[in-house]
PDB file of N, CA and C in Angstrom:
ATOM      1  N   UNK A   1     276.779 236.097  58.446  1.00  0.00           N
ATOM      2  CA  UNK A   1     276.352 236.025  59.830  1.00  0.00           C
ATOM      3  C   UNK A   1     277.022 234.795  60.465  1.00  0.00           C
ATOM      4  N   UNK A   2     277.564 235.000  61.614  1.00  0.00           N
ATOM      5  CA  UNK A   2     278.258 233.921  62.329  1.00  0.00           C
ATOM      6  C   UNK A   2     277.252 233.126  63.160  1.00  0.00           C
ATOM      7  N   UNK A   3     277.311 231.806  63.027  1.00  0.00           N
ATOM      8  CA  UNK A   3     276.393 230.976  63.809  1.00  0.00           C
ATOM      9  C   UNK A   3     277.008 230.669  65.165  1.00  0.00           C
ATOM     10  N   UNK A   4     276.164 230.588  66.154  1.00  0.00           N
ATOM     11  CA  UNK A   4     276.611 230.280  67.506  1.00  0.00           C
ATOM     12  C   UNK A   4     276.416 228.801  67.776  1.00  0.00           C
ATOM     13  N   UNK A   5     277.376 228.246  68.470  1.00  0.00           N
ATOM     14  CA  UNK A   5     277.271 226.856  68.880  1.00  0.00           C
ATOM     15  C   UNK A   5     276.786 226.834  70.324  1.00  0.00           C
ATOM     16  N   UNK A   6     275.712 226.137  70.543  1.00  0.00           N
ATOM     17  CA  UNK A   6     275.169 226.043  71.902  1.00  0.00           C
ATOM     18  C   UNK A   6     275.685 224.756  72.522  1.00  0.00           C
ATOM     19  N   UNK A   7     276.412 224.892  73.610  1.00  0.00           N
ATOM     20  CA  UNK A   7     276.942 223.723  74.310  1.00  0.00           C
ATOM     21  C   UNK A   7     275.972 223.293  75.403  1.00  0.00           C
ATOM     22  N   UNK A   8     275.875 222.015  75.599  1.00  0.00           N
ATOM     23  CA  UNK A   8     275.019 221.552  76.705  1.00  0.00           C
ATOM     24  C   UNK A   8     275.652 221.900  78.043  1.00  0.00           C
ATOM     25  N   UNK A   9     274.833 222.086  79.036  1.00  0.00           N
ATOM     26  CA  UNK A   9     275.319 222.326  80.389  1.00  0.00           C
ATOM     27  C   UNK A   9     275.207 221.026  81.164  1.00  0.00           C
ATOM     28  N   UNK A  10     276.210 220.736  81.968  1.00  0.00           N
ATOM     29  CA  UNK A  10     276.237 219.514  82.760  1.00  0.00           C
ATOM     30  C   UNK A  10     275.962 219.877  84.207  1.00  0.00           C
ATOM     31  N   UNK A  11     274.966 219.239  84.779  1.00  0.00           N
ATOM     32  CA  UNK A  11     274.582 219.525  86.153  1.00  0.00           C
ATOM     33  C   UNK A  11     275.242 218.520  87.085  1.00  0.00           C
ATOM     34  N   UNK A  12     275.795 219.015  88.175  1.00  0.00           N
ATOM     35  CA  UNK A  12     276.406 218.162  89.196  1.00  0.00           C
ATOM     36  C   UNK A  12     276.266 218.860  90.539  1.00  0.00           C
ATOM     37  N   UNK A  13     276.244 218.080  91.592  1.00  0.00           N
ATOM     38  CA  UNK A  13     276.147 218.609  92.943  1.00  0.00           C
ATOM     39  C   UNK A  13     277.508 218.454  93.618  1.00  0.00           C
ATOM     40  N   UNK A  14     278.012 219.533  94.171  1.00  0.00           N
ATOM     41  CA  UNK A  14     279.330 219.528  94.804  1.00  0.00           C
ATOM     42  C   UNK A  14     279.186 219.459  96.309  1.00  0.00           C
ATOM     43  N   UNK A  15     280.122 218.720  96.935  1.00  0.00           N
ATOM     44  CA  UNK A  15     280.173 218.721  98.391  1.00  0.00           C
ATOM     45  C   UNK A  15     281.631 218.546  98.810  1.00  0.00           C
ATOM     46  N   UNK A  16     282.004 219.304  99.802  1.00  0.00           N
ATOM     47  CA  UNK A  16     283.366 219.244 100.320  1.00  0.00           C
ATOM     48  C   UNK A  16     283.490 218.087 101.299  1.00  0.00           C
ATOM     49  N   UNK A  17     284.664 217.480 101.361  1.00  0.00           N
ATOM     50  CA  UNK A  17     284.869 216.385 102.308  1.00  0.00           C
ATOM     51  C   UNK A  17     285.102 216.915 103.716  1.00  0.00           C
ATOM     52  N   UNK A  18     285.366 218.220 103.843  1.00  0.00           N
ATOM     53  CA  UNK A  18     285.553 218.836 105.166  1.00  0.00           C
ATOM     54  C   UNK A  18     284.232 219.418 105.651  1.00  0.00           C
ATOM     55  N   UNK A  19     283.871 219.103 106.863  1.00  0.00           N
ATOM     56  CA  UNK A  19     282.606 219.599 107.430  1.00  0.00           C
ATOM     57  C   UNK A  19     282.636 221.112 107.654  1.00  0.00           C
ATOM     58  N   UNK A  20     283.837 221.708 107.787  1.00  0.00           N
ATOM     59  CA  UNK A  20     283.947 223.135 108.057  1.00  0.00           C
ATOM     60  C   UNK A  20     283.660 223.986 106.823  1.00  0.00           C
ATOM     61  N   UNK A  21     283.545 223.365 105.653  1.00  0.00           N
ATOM     62  CA  UNK A  21     283.266 224.108 104.428  1.00  0.00           C
ATOM     63  C   UNK A  21     281.778 224.144 104.107  1.00  0.00           C
ATOM     64  N   UNK A  22     280.940 223.951 105.090  1.00  0.00           N
ATOM     65  CA  UNK A  22     279.498 223.885 104.872  1.00  0.00           C
ATOM     66  C   UNK A  22     278.882 225.166 104.346  1.00  0.00           C
ATOM     67  N   UNK A  23     279.543 226.316 104.577  1.00  0.00           N
ATOM     68  CA  UNK A  23     278.988 227.583 104.116  1.00  0.00           C
ATOM     69  C   UNK A  23     279.461 227.963 102.713  1.00  0.00           C
ATOM     70  N   UNK A  24     280.295 227.139 102.100  1.00  0.00           N
ATOM     71  CA  UNK A  24     280.772 227.421 100.746  1.00  0.00           C
ATOM     72  C   UNK A  24     279.658 227.170  99.731  1.00  0.00           C
ATOM     73  N   UNK A  25     279.603 227.999  98.704  1.00  0.00           N
ATOM     74  CA  UNK A  25     278.629 227.845  97.632  1.00  0.00           C
ATOM     75  C   UNK A  25     279.391 227.442  96.376  1.00  0.00           C
ATOM     76  N   UNK A  26     279.010 226.302  95.798  1.00  0.00           N
ATOM     77  CA  UNK A  26     279.690 225.751  94.638  1.00  0.00           C
ATOM     78  C   UNK A  26     278.786 225.845  93.410  1.00  0.00           C
ATOM     79  N   UNK A  27     279.384 225.837  92.228  1.00  0.00           N
ATOM     80  CA  UNK A  27     278.552 225.834  91.019  1.00  0.00           C
ATOM     81  C   UNK A  27     277.797 224.513  90.878  1.00  0.00           C
ATOM     82  N   UNK A  28     276.645 224.566  90.252  1.00  0.00           N
ATOM     83  CA  UNK A  28     275.849 223.364  89.984  1.00  0.00           C
ATOM     84  C   UNK A  28     275.849 223.006  88.506  1.00  0.00           C
ATOM     85  N   UNK A  29     276.284 223.919  87.646  1.00  0.00           N
ATOM     86  CA  UNK A  29     276.307 223.681  86.210  1.00  0.00           C
ATOM     87  C   UNK A  29     277.719 223.869  85.695  1.00  0.00           C
ATOM     88  N   UNK A  30     278.111 222.990  84.781  1.00  0.00           N
ATOM     89  CA  UNK A  30     279.463 222.996  84.241  1.00  0.00           C
ATOM     90  C   UNK A  30     279.407 223.001  82.716  1.00  0.00           C
ATOM     91  N   UNK A  31     280.400 223.638  82.092  1.00  0.00           N
ATOM     92  CA  UNK A  31     280.473 223.708  80.632  1.00  0.00           C
ATOM     93  C   UNK A  31     280.865 222.375  80.018  1.00  0.00           C
ATOM     94  N   UNK A  32     281.654 221.608  80.747  1.00  0.00           N
ATOM     95  CA  UNK A  32     282.123 220.310  80.288  1.00  0.00           C
ATOM     96  C   UNK A  32     281.852 219.284  81.381  1.00  0.00           C
ATOM     97  N   UNK A  33     281.770 218.009  81.046  1.00  0.00           N
ATOM     98  CA  UNK A  33     281.556 217.002  82.095  1.00  0.00           C
ATOM     99  C   UNK A  33     282.710 217.021  83.090  1.00  0.00           C
ATOM    100  N   UNK A  34     282.434 217.149  84.390  1.00  0.00           N
ATOM    101  CA  UNK A  34     283.499 217.158  85.388  1.00  0.00           C
ATOM    102  C   UNK A  34     284.243 215.823  85.416  1.00  0.00           C
ATOM    103  N   UNK A  35     285.541 215.893  85.708  1.00  0.00           N
ATOM    104  CA  UNK A  35     286.365 214.701  85.821  1.00  0.00           C
ATOM    105  C   UNK A  35     287.186 214.786  87.102  1.00  0.00           C
ATOM    106  N   UNK A  36     287.603 213.617  87.598  1.00  0.00           N
ATOM    107  CA  UNK A  36     288.474 213.582  88.775  1.00  0.00           C
ATOM    108  C   UNK A  36     289.748 214.344  88.426  1.00  0.00           C
ATOM    109  N   UNK A  37     290.165 215.219  89.339  1.00  0.00           N
ATOM    110  CA  UNK A  37     291.347 216.036  89.129  1.00  0.00           C
ATOM    111  C   UNK A  37     291.036 217.456  88.695  1.00  0.00           C
ATOM    112  N   UNK A  38     289.818 217.704  88.217  1.00  0.00           N
ATOM    113  CA  UNK A  38     289.429 219.055  87.818  1.00  0.00           C
ATOM    114  C   UNK A  38     289.384 219.968  89.035  1.00  0.00           C
ATOM    115  N   UNK A  39     289.546 221.260  88.790  1.00  0.00           N
ATOM    116  CA  UNK A  39     289.450 222.261  89.851  1.00  0.00           C
ATOM    117  C   UNK A  39     288.092 222.947  89.773  1.00  0.00           C
ATOM    118  N   UNK A  40     287.519 223.199  90.948  1.00  0.00           N
ATOM    119  CA  UNK A  40     286.236 223.893  91.068  1.00  0.00           C
ATOM    120  C   UNK A  40     286.453 225.062  92.014  1.00  0.00           C
ATOM    121  N   UNK A  41     285.963 226.237  91.635  1.00  0.00           N
ATOM    122  CA  UNK A  41     286.113 227.415  92.477  1.00  0.00           C
ATOM    123  C   UNK A  41     284.787 227.731  93.153  1.00  0.00           C
ATOM    124  N   UNK A  42     284.848 227.939  94.473  1.00  0.00           N
ATOM    125  CA  UNK A  42     283.636 228.295  95.219  1.00  0.00           C
ATOM    126  C   UNK A  42     283.344 229.773  94.997  1.00  0.00           C
ATOM    127  N   UNK A  43     282.186 230.210  95.464  1.00  0.00           N
ATOM    128  CA  UNK A  43     281.808 231.615  95.323  1.00  0.00           C
ATOM    129  C   UNK A  43     282.768 232.517  96.104  1.00  0.00           C
ATOM    130  N   UNK A  44     283.389 231.982  97.150  1.00  0.00           N
ATOM    131  CA  UNK A  44     284.350 232.750  97.955  1.00  0.00           C
ATOM    132  C   UNK A  44     285.757 232.690  97.379  1.00  0.00           C
ATOM    133  N   UNK A  45     285.901 232.213  96.140  1.00  0.00           N
ATOM    134  CA  UNK A  45     287.171 232.152  95.400  1.00  0.00           C
ATOM    135  C   UNK A  45     288.158 231.127  95.947  1.00  0.00           C
ATOM    136  N   UNK A  46     287.685 230.143  96.723  1.00  0.00           N
ATOM    137  CA  UNK A  46     288.560 229.068  97.192  1.00  0.00           C
ATOM    138  C   UNK A  46     288.587 227.970  96.135  1.00  0.00           C
ATOM    139  N   UNK A  47     289.765 227.378  95.932  1.00  0.00           N
ATOM    140  CA  UNK A  47     289.918 226.325  94.926  1.00  0.00           C
ATOM    141  C   UNK A  47     289.783 224.954  95.577  1.00  0.00           C
ATOM    142  N   UNK A  48     289.072 224.070  94.902  1.00  0.00           N
ATOM    143  CA  UNK A  48     288.852 222.701  95.352  1.00  0.00           C
ATOM    144  C   UNK A  48     289.150 221.756  94.189  1.00  0.00           C
ATOM    145  N   UNK A  49     289.630 220.558  94.521  1.00  0.00           N
ATOM    146  CA  UNK A  49     289.910 219.545  93.510  1.00  0.00           C
ATOM    147  C   UNK A  49     288.864 218.441  93.607  1.00  0.00           C
ATOM    148  N   UNK A  50     288.362 217.985  92.461  1.00  0.00           N
ATOM    149  CA  UNK A  50     287.414 216.877  92.421  1.00  0.00           C
ATOM    150  C   UNK A  50     288.191 215.598  92.714  1.00  0.00           C
ATOM    151  N   UNK A  51     287.816 214.899  93.799  1.00  0.00           N
ATOM    152  CA  UNK A  51     288.528 213.666  94.159  1.00  0.00           C
ATOM    153  C   UNK A  51     287.728 212.422  93.826  1.00  0.00           C
ATOM    154  N   UNK A  52     286.409 212.560  93.678  1.00  0.00           N
ATOM    155  CA  UNK A  52     285.601 211.414  93.251  1.00  0.00           C
ATOM    156  C   UNK A  52     284.279 211.912  92.687  1.00  0.00           C
ATOM    157  N   UNK A  53     283.704 211.078  91.839  1.00  0.00           N
ATOM    158  CA  UNK A  53     282.400 211.361  91.241  1.00  0.00           C
ATOM    159  C   UNK A  53     281.512 210.152  91.486  1.00  0.00           C
ATOM    160  N   UNK A  54     280.361 210.388  92.083  1.00  0.00           N
ATOM    161  CA  UNK A  54     279.409 209.302  92.320  1.00  0.00           C
ATOM    162  C   UNK A  54     278.159 209.575  91.469  1.00  0.00           C
ATOM    163  N   UNK A  55     277.818 208.626  90.626  1.00  0.00           N
ATOM    164  CA  UNK A  55     276.608 208.731  89.819  1.00  0.00           C
ATOM    165  C   UNK A  55     275.479 208.067  90.592  1.00  0.00           C
ATOM    166  N   UNK A  56     274.415 208.812  90.773  1.00  0.00           N
ATOM    167  CA  UNK A  56     273.295 208.335  91.571  1.00  0.00           C
ATOM    168  C   UNK A  56     271.994 208.776  90.901  1.00  0.00           C
ATOM    169  N   UNK A  57     270.912 208.568  91.559  1.00  0.00           N
ATOM    170  CA  UNK A  57     269.609 208.927  90.999  1.00  0.00           C
ATOM    171  C   UNK A  57     268.790 209.643  92.067  1.00  0.00           C
ATOM    172  N   UNK A  58     268.009 210.612  91.636  1.00  0.00           N
ATOM    173  CA  UNK A  58     267.070 211.289  92.518  1.00  0.00           C
ATOM    174  C   UNK A  58     265.679 210.795  92.131  1.00  0.00           C
ATOM    175  N   UNK A  59     264.939 210.298  93.097  1.00  0.00           N
ATOM    176  CA  UNK A  59     263.602 209.759  92.837  1.00  0.00           C
ATOM    177  C   UNK A  59     262.568 210.728  93.409  1.00  0.00           C
ATOM    178  N   UNK A  60     261.639 211.122  92.566  1.00  0.00           N
ATOM    179  CA  UNK A  60     260.541 211.982  93.008  1.00  0.00           C
ATOM    180  C   UNK A  60     259.229 211.295  92.660  1.00  0.00           C
ATOM    181  N   UNK A  61     258.218 211.590  93.435  1.00  0.00           N
ATOM    182  CA  UNK A  61     256.892 211.014  93.212  1.00  0.00           C
ATOM    183  C   UNK A  61     256.202 211.783  92.095  1.00  0.00           C
ATOM    184  N   UNK A  62     255.727 211.062  91.113  1.00  0.00           N
ATOM    185  CA  UNK A  62     254.997 211.666  90.011  1.00  0.00           C
ATOM    186  C   UNK A  62     253.552 211.199  90.015  1.00  0.00           C
ATOM    187  N   UNK A  63     252.767 211.793  89.160  1.00  0.00           N
ATOM    188  CA  UNK A  63     251.348 211.466  89.087  1.00  0.00           C
ATOM    189  C   UNK A  63     251.129 210.000  88.693  1.00  0.00           C
ATOM    190  N   UNK A  64     251.995 209.474  87.822  1.00  0.00           N
ATOM    191  CA  UNK A  64     251.828 208.115  87.326  1.00  0.00           C
ATOM    192  C   UNK A  64     252.918 207.162  87.820  1.00  0.00           C
ATOM    193  N   UNK A  65     253.589 207.538  88.889  1.00  0.00           N
ATOM    194  CA  UNK A  65     254.643 206.687  89.435  1.00  0.00           C
ATOM    195  C   UNK A  65     255.902 207.494  89.722  1.00  0.00           C
ATOM    196  N   UNK A  66     256.911 206.792  90.167  1.00  0.00           N
ATOM    197  CA  UNK A  66     258.165 207.447  90.514  1.00  0.00           C
ATOM    198  C   UNK A  66     258.898 207.917  89.259  1.00  0.00           C
ATOM    199  N   UNK A  67     259.531 209.081  89.381  1.00  0.00           N
ATOM    200  CA  UNK A  67     260.333 209.645  88.307  1.00  0.00           C
ATOM    201  C   UNK A  67     261.781 209.630  88.757  1.00  0.00           C
ATOM    202  N   UNK A  68     262.655 209.042  87.952  1.00  0.00           N
ATOM    203  CA  UNK A  68     264.073 208.976  88.283  1.00  0.00           C
ATOM    204  C   UNK A  68     264.852 209.981  87.442  1.00  0.00           C
ATOM    205  N   UNK A  69     265.678 210.776  88.117  1.00  0.00           N
ATOM    206  CA  UNK A  69     266.533 211.743  87.443  1.00  0.00           C
ATOM    207  C   UNK A  69     267.976 211.438  87.812  1.00  0.00           C
ATOM    208  N   UNK A  70     268.861 211.310  86.819  1.00  0.00           N
ATOM    209  CA  UNK A  70     270.261 211.024  87.143  1.00  0.00           C
ATOM    210  C   UNK A  70     270.927 212.215  87.814  1.00  0.00           C
ATOM    211  N   UNK A  71     271.859 211.920  88.719  1.00  0.00           N
ATOM    212  CA  UNK A  71     272.613 212.961  89.430  1.00  0.00           C
ATOM    213  C   UNK A  71     274.075 212.561  89.474  1.00  0.00           C
ATOM    214  N   UNK A  72     274.934 213.536  89.438  1.00  0.00           N
ATOM    215  CA  UNK A  72     276.356 213.332  89.664  1.00  0.00           C
ATOM    216  C   UNK A  72     276.726 214.136  90.898  1.00  0.00           C
ATOM    217  N   UNK A  73     277.361 213.484  91.861  1.00  0.00           N
ATOM    218  CA  UNK A  73     277.784 214.139  93.094  1.00  0.00           C
ATOM    219  C   UNK A  73     279.318 214.170  93.099  1.00  0.00           C
ATOM    220  N   UNK A  74     279.871 215.393  93.151  1.00  0.00           N
ATOM    221  CA  UNK A  74     281.320 215.574  93.144  1.00  0.00           C
ATOM    222  C   UNK A  74     281.813 215.755  94.569  1.00  0.00           C
ATOM    223  N   UNK A  75     282.759 214.937  94.996  1.00  0.00           N
ATOM    224  CA  UNK A  75     283.403 215.136  96.296  1.00  0.00           C
ATOM    225  C   UNK A  75     284.648 215.983  96.073  1.00  0.00           C
ATOM    226  N   UNK A  76     284.778 217.041  96.868  1.00  0.00           N
ATOM    227  CA  UNK A  76     285.843 218.022  96.676  1.00  0.00           C
ATOM    228  C   UNK A  76     286.745 218.088  97.891  1.00  0.00           C
ATOM    229  N   UNK A  77     288.029 218.376  97.649  1.00  0.00           N
ATOM    230  CA  UNK A  77     288.953 218.664  98.745  1.00  0.00           C
ATOM    231  C   UNK A  77     289.576 220.022  98.494  1.00  0.00           C
ATOM    232  N   UNK A  78     289.782 220.756  99.562  1.00  0.00           N
ATOM    233  CA  UNK A  78     290.377 222.088  99.472  1.00  0.00           C
ATOM    234  C   UNK A  78     291.853 221.947  99.143  1.00  0.00           C
ATOM    235  N   UNK A  79     292.331 222.777  98.209  1.00  0.00           N
ATOM    236  CA  UNK A  79     293.762 222.715  97.873  1.00  0.00           C
ATOM    237  C   UNK A  79     294.478 223.967  98.298  1.00  0.00           C
TER     238      UNK A  79
END
């Protein structure tokens, strides 16, 4: 029996640097950690290049205090 390797999924939020691409839908989960220079395809099959990655935190209110969740925000440019 062949064993399967389960790879972790990497979550990141994509945003285009052009305001006119506001209706594009980008993936939120990646098979590998995104890097500057990688290509990302929108749901409409348009190709975008990762030009920067900003590591930030999302803070939500919890029952016993604030909960911090790490976030990666990818800035994309249309190619």
